[in-house]
Each structure stands twice: as structure tokens, then as C-alpha cells.
């Protein structure tokens, strides 16, 4: 029996943009800055599409939590091959203080509501690099998890996943329903063609709020200040090994 997949897609600052901290250090500048789908989420969407092409999946639902602009990200997922989308609308201060735990609760609630068999997420977002959502979604649902996936095979309601680890890779098997997070080597995402982009405009997109899902998104942490990394100091040249050793000793490095 084919499975139903929920894919999380986050609207993040584009990877090619140089991020700048606000002058008051309360966050990063987002106004007038190009945004796009989080690259790891693109990989998750691609893997869901490939599973559907293999007749493993019967439906792909894309979900995004955030302001109205998230609908653009969802339309991208629909153009790539998702069947329908769900936009959990969060605006203003609530969005500015939105944290991974709240996102995890929202995704878990949607997964329950839609009777999902597999939640596919990017392993992390490139803006905050939290790497928490997939693990917490699995915990909230009491589902098995396979994170940092570089290969996924699904058969007989089980997923065999090769995952990236510090020493190389390992292969594990989990029963569905489960949560899988996509690593960089899982696949190479496709590009949406013009006909698919046009068709995406007609695909259904449901709108809901955290209240509709019965989720409290109140933050549990407070960010006190945002700082840019210290600027890298310029290097220097030495004329000999002896001079190099001497300079290293001066700095207390040897």
C-alpha cells in the first residue's frame, strides 16, 4: 500500500545572500532580502517526489509555518511535484520569536491530522542551523527517526536508511510511520519547468493557524543579542622556518 508523505519546507534567507545583523542587535536584516526554500528542504521534497515516482508514495503534502510570503515557498514545492500544500500562518511578533519546538509541535499536529506515514524534513535550516526540528517531531509523535539520511529505501512499511555519521555512514531500518531528515548527499534536486509552475497555481493550498491545530507557539527561550563573527585578521609572510617558529612562540602557540 502506497504511503502519504508530509514534507516541511522553510522560507529562509537565500544561501547566496550575505546576512547582516541589525544595528540594534535584535536579529538579522530580512526586509528587502531575497528568500528561497531552505536547500535541505529542497532535497527532502526531491526525495518525496522520487518515492512517488517509484509508486511508493501516493500523496505528497508540503507544509510551511510563517507569514504570507511562505506561500511562495509552498508554490515552489507544488511546482516541483507536491500534490497539495498547507500554510500554517504566523505573522508579526509571533513569527519573529518562533522557535524549533513550536515548529515541531505544528508539524506533528499536521502529521496527526493528515494521517501521515512519513515526515520528510531537511536536516537543518541554513539560517539558524538548529538541527532540532526533525528529532523533536519524532519525539512528539513517539515515532522512530532516521536523521542525516544519504539514501532511503522503503518497502513493506519499513524504511532502510543510510545516514551520515562522524566516522562515515551507517544503515538502519525503521518501521513506518517515521521521521527522516535529508542530508546533502541524499539526492540532487530538480528544477521546476514552466508548465509545472503554471500547474502549481491551481493546486490546493489550505490555510490554518496554530490555534486551529491546538498548538501553543509561545517561545521558551529569549535571544538577548545577535553578533557578527569577528573579522578575520590578515595573514603575514615569513622568510624562513626559524622565523615562523619564532613568531609562533611569541604568540604562545608552540
Protein backbone atom coordinates (compact mmCIF):
# COMPACT_ATOMS: atom_id res chain seq x y z
CA UNK A 1 0.00 0.00 0.00
CA UNK A 2 1.37 3.42 -1.01
CA UNK A 3 2.22 5.85 1.79
CA UNK A 4 1.37 9.50 2.44
CA UNK A 5 4.30 11.88 2.91
CA UNK A 6 4.44 15.22 4.70
CA UNK A 7 7.36 17.44 3.67
CA UNK A 8 8.37 20.51 5.66
CA UNK A 9 9.59 23.50 3.63
CA UNK A 10 11.04 26.58 5.28
CA UNK A 11 11.33 30.05 3.77
CA UNK A 12 14.89 31.10 4.58
CA UNK A 13 17.27 33.83 3.52
CA UNK A 14 18.81 32.75 0.21
CA UNK A 15 22.13 30.94 0.54
CA UNK A 16 23.87 33.47 -1.74
CA UNK A 17 22.93 36.47 0.43
CA UNK A 18 25.41 37.89 2.92
CA UNK A 19 23.49 38.03 6.18
CA UNK A 20 23.70 41.28 8.16
CA UNK A 21 22.91 41.86 11.83
CA UNK A 22 20.51 44.70 12.68
CA UNK A 23 22.11 47.77 14.21
CA UNK A 24 20.21 47.21 17.47
CA UNK A 25 21.41 43.55 17.51
CA UNK A 26 17.88 42.21 17.93
CA UNK A 27 18.11 39.96 14.86
CA UNK A 28 19.22 39.84 11.25
CA UNK A 29 18.05 42.07 8.41
CA UNK A 30 15.25 40.39 6.44
CA UNK A 31 13.44 43.30 4.77
CA UNK A 32 14.30 43.61 1.11
CA UNK A 33 16.43 40.47 1.31
CA UNK A 34 15.98 37.60 -1.13
CA UNK A 35 14.44 34.48 0.37
CA UNK A 36 14.10 30.97 -1.05
CA UNK A 37 13.35 27.42 0.06
CA UNK A 38 15.86 26.08 2.56
CA UNK A 39 18.28 23.93 0.47
CA UNK A 40 17.99 20.87 2.73
CA UNK A 41 14.21 21.07 2.40
CA UNK A 42 14.61 21.07 -1.40
CA UNK A 43 16.41 17.75 -1.00
CA UNK A 44 13.56 16.43 1.17
CA UNK A 45 10.99 17.47 -1.46
CA UNK A 46 13.03 15.79 -4.20
CA UNK A 47 13.23 12.55 -2.23
CA UNK A 48 9.45 12.58 -1.68
CA UNK A 49 8.90 13.06 -5.42
CA UNK A 50 11.25 10.19 -6.25
CA UNK A 51 9.36 7.93 -3.84
CA UNK A 52 6.12 8.84 -5.60
CA UNK A 53 7.68 8.16 -9.00
CA UNK A 54 8.59 4.70 -7.70
CA UNK A 55 4.91 4.20 -6.70
CA UNK A 56 5.97 4.01 -3.04
CA UNK A 57 4.04 7.19 -2.17
CA UNK A 58 0.52 8.09 -3.22
CA UNK A 59 0.41 11.70 -1.97
CA UNK A 60 2.89 14.41 -1.04
CA UNK A 61 1.77 17.27 1.20
CA UNK A 62 4.05 20.28 1.69
CA UNK A 63 3.75 22.32 4.89
CA UNK A 64 5.27 25.65 5.88
CA UNK A 65 4.85 27.77 9.00
CA UNK A 66 5.22 31.54 8.79
CA UNK A 67 3.95 34.72 7.12
CA UNK A 68 2.07 35.08 3.85
CA UNK A 69 5.35 35.01 1.88
CA UNK A 70 5.68 31.31 2.79
CA UNK A 71 3.04 30.63 0.16
CA UNK A 72 5.68 31.36 -2.49
CA UNK A 73 7.85 28.61 -1.00
CA UNK A 74 4.90 26.25 -0.94
CA UNK A 75 4.12 27.04 -4.59
CA UNK A 76 7.70 26.09 -5.41
CA UNK A 77 7.19 22.73 -3.69
CA UNK A 78 3.94 22.26 -5.64
CA UNK A 79 5.71 23.10 -8.89
CA UNK A 80 8.39 20.53 -8.12
CA UNK A 81 5.80 17.80 -7.62
CA UNK A 82 3.96 18.05 -4.29
CA UNK A 83 0.22 17.37 -4.60
CA UNK A 84 -1.11 19.94 -2.16
CA UNK A 85 0.09 22.37 0.48
CA UNK A 86 -0.74 23.52 3.98
CA UNK A 87 0.21 27.01 5.17
CA UNK A 88 0.22 27.50 8.93
CA UNK A 89 0.03 31.29 9.04
CA UNK A 90 2.09 33.06 11.71
CA UNK A 91 2.81 36.77 11.48
CA UNK A 92 4.38 39.68 13.30
CA UNK A 93 5.99 39.19 16.69
CA UNK A 94 4.81 35.59 16.88
CA UNK A 95 6.84 34.78 13.77
CA UNK A 96 9.90 36.72 14.94
CA UNK A 97 10.01 34.67 18.15
CA UNK A 98 9.07 31.34 16.53
CA UNK A 99 11.39 28.57 17.72
CA UNK A 100 12.08 24.95 16.66
CA UNK A 101 9.94 23.44 19.43
CA UNK A 102 6.86 25.34 18.25
CA UNK A 103 7.54 24.39 14.62
CA UNK A 104 7.93 20.76 15.70
CA UNK A 105 4.59 20.83 17.52
CA UNK A 106 2.88 22.31 14.46
CA UNK A 107 4.35 19.73 12.07
CA UNK A 108 3.47 16.91 14.47
CA UNK A 109 -0.10 18.19 14.71
CA UNK A 110 -0.42 18.35 10.92
CA UNK A 111 1.02 14.83 10.62
CA UNK A 112 -1.64 13.51 13.01
CA UNK A 113 -4.44 15.45 11.31
CA UNK A 114 -3.47 14.17 7.85
CA UNK A 115 -2.75 10.54 8.92
CA UNK A 116 0.79 10.77 7.57
CA UNK A 117 3.04 7.71 7.18
CA UNK A 118 6.34 9.54 6.65
CA UNK A 119 7.56 13.00 7.61
CA UNK A 120 10.46 14.19 5.46
CA UNK A 121 12.42 17.25 6.55
CA UNK A 122 15.73 18.89 5.79
CA UNK A 123 18.30 18.03 8.46
CA UNK A 124 18.58 21.74 9.37
CA UNK A 125 17.84 25.23 8.11
CA UNK A 126 20.70 27.35 6.80
CA UNK A 127 19.56 30.44 8.70
CA UNK A 128 19.64 29.25 12.34
CA UNK A 129 21.38 25.86 11.85
CA UNK A 130 19.39 24.49 14.79
CA UNK A 131 19.15 20.87 13.57
CA UNK A 132 16.37 20.19 16.08
CA UNK A 133 13.01 20.02 14.31
CA UNK A 134 13.16 16.51 12.88
CA UNK A 135 14.27 14.98 16.14
CA UNK A 136 11.61 16.80 18.16
CA UNK A 137 8.83 15.92 15.70
CA UNK A 138 9.74 12.25 16.12
CA UNK A 139 9.78 12.64 19.90
CA UNK A 140 6.40 14.39 20.00
CA UNK A 141 4.82 11.70 17.82
CA UNK A 142 6.70 8.81 19.51
CA UNK A 143 7.83 7.73 16.04
CA UNK A 144 11.21 6.25 15.08
CA UNK A 145 13.63 8.62 13.40
CA UNK A 146 16.44 8.37 10.85
CA UNK A 147 18.34 11.64 10.61
CA UNK A 148 21.10 12.81 8.22
CA UNK A 149 19.87 10.42 5.52
CA UNK A 150 22.04 9.90 2.43
CA UNK A 151 19.96 7.04 0.98
CA UNK A 152 16.37 5.93 1.56
CA UNK A 153 14.66 2.69 0.52
CA UNK A 154 11.09 1.95 1.58
CA UNK A 155 9.49 -1.47 1.37
CA UNK A 156 6.81 -3.31 3.32
CA UNK A 157 6.10 -0.37 5.63
CA UNK A 158 9.76 -0.13 6.62
CA UNK A 159 12.44 2.38 5.67
CA UNK A 160 16.06 1.35 5.27
CA UNK A 161 18.16 4.48 5.64
CA UNK A 162 21.86 5.07 5.15
CA UNK A 163 22.81 8.00 7.36
CA UNK A 164 25.86 10.21 7.66
CA UNK A 165 27.82 9.89 10.91
CA UNK A 166 31.15 11.27 12.11
CA UNK A 167 33.04 8.11 11.19
CA UNK A 168 31.45 7.66 7.77
CA UNK A 169 27.96 6.15 7.42
CA UNK A 170 25.65 3.57 8.94
CA UNK A 171 22.50 1.84 7.71
CA UNK A 172 19.46 1.50 9.95
CA UNK A 173 15.92 0.18 9.47
CA UNK A 174 12.87 1.88 10.97
CA UNK A 175 9.19 0.99 10.89
CA UNK A 176 6.68 3.45 9.46
CA UNK A 177 5.30 5.85 10.47
CA UNK A 178 8.66 7.57 10.90
CA UNK A 179 10.57 10.82 10.56
CA UNK A 180 13.51 11.12 8.15
CA UNK A 181 15.75 14.17 7.72
CA UNK A 182 17.66 14.75 4.50
CA UNK A 183 21.41 15.26 4.30
CA UNK A 184 23.29 16.88 1.44
CA UNK A 185 24.21 13.65 -0.35
CA UNK A 186 20.70 12.20 -0.47
CA UNK A 187 19.99 13.49 -3.98
CA UNK A 188 20.31 16.36 -6.45
CA UNK A 189 17.09 18.41 -6.51
CA UNK A 190 15.43 19.05 -9.87
CA UNK A 191 14.32 22.41 -11.26
CA UNK A 192 10.68 23.22 -11.86
CA UNK A 193 9.79 23.79 -15.52
CA UNK A 194 7.35 26.43 -16.74
CA UNK A 195 4.35 24.10 -17.26
CA UNK A 196 4.80 22.75 -13.71
CA UNK A 197 4.95 26.29 -12.32
CA UNK A 198 1.69 27.13 -14.09
CA UNK A 199 0.01 23.94 -12.84
CA UNK A 200 1.15 24.69 -9.27
CA UNK A 201 -1.06 27.79 -9.22
CA UNK A 202 -4.12 25.55 -9.46
CA UNK A 203 -3.07 23.00 -6.84
CA UNK A 204 -4.88 23.25 -3.48
CA UNK A 205 -3.32 25.14 -0.59
CA UNK A 206 -5.07 25.04 2.79
CA UNK A 207 -4.57 27.80 5.35
CA UNK A 208 -4.73 27.34 9.08
CA UNK A 209 -3.40 28.86 12.29
CA UNK A 210 -1.67 27.41 15.36
CA UNK A 211 -4.98 27.75 17.20
CA UNK A 212 -6.67 25.56 14.59
CA UNK A 213 -4.10 22.89 15.43
CA UNK A 214 -4.33 23.43 19.18
CA UNK A 215 -0.65 24.39 19.43
CA UNK A 216 0.85 26.98 21.77
CA UNK A 217 3.76 28.68 19.99
CA UNK A 218 4.90 30.77 22.95
CA UNK A 219 8.74 30.87 22.98
CA UNK A 220 10.63 29.19 25.82
CA UNK A 221 13.90 30.97 25.15
CA UNK A 222 14.83 34.62 24.82
CA UNK A 223 17.58 35.75 22.47
CA UNK A 224 19.45 38.59 24.15
CA UNK A 225 21.74 39.73 21.35
CA UNK A 226 22.92 38.84 17.84
CA UNK A 227 26.57 39.37 16.96
CA UNK A 228 28.51 39.03 13.72
CA UNK A 229 31.57 36.75 13.83
CA UNK A 230 34.82 38.64 14.48
CA UNK A 231 36.53 39.77 11.31
CA UNK A 232 39.40 37.56 10.28
CA UNK A 233 42.81 39.14 10.75
CA UNK A 234 45.12 39.41 7.76
CA UNK A 235 47.97 36.94 7.43
CA UNK A 236 51.67 37.56 7.03
CA UNK A 237 54.73 36.12 5.35
CA UNK A 238 57.90 34.75 6.83
CA UNK A 239 61.23 34.24 5.11
CA UNK A 240 62.29 31.06 6.89
CA UNK A 241 61.18 28.22 9.12
CA UNK A 242 63.13 29.70 12.02
CA UNK A 243 61.20 32.96 11.69
CA UNK A 244 57.90 31.04 11.59
CA UNK A 245 58.78 29.13 14.77
CA UNK A 246 59.85 32.36 16.45
CA UNK A 247 56.51 34.06 15.65
CA UNK A 248 54.54 31.05 16.85
CA UNK A 249 56.45 31.11 20.14
CA UNK A 250 55.71 34.83 20.52
CA UNK A 251 52.01 34.09 20.27
CA UNK A 252 52.29 31.17 22.66
CA UNK A 253 51.19 28.65 20.04
CA UNK A 254 54.15 26.32 20.44
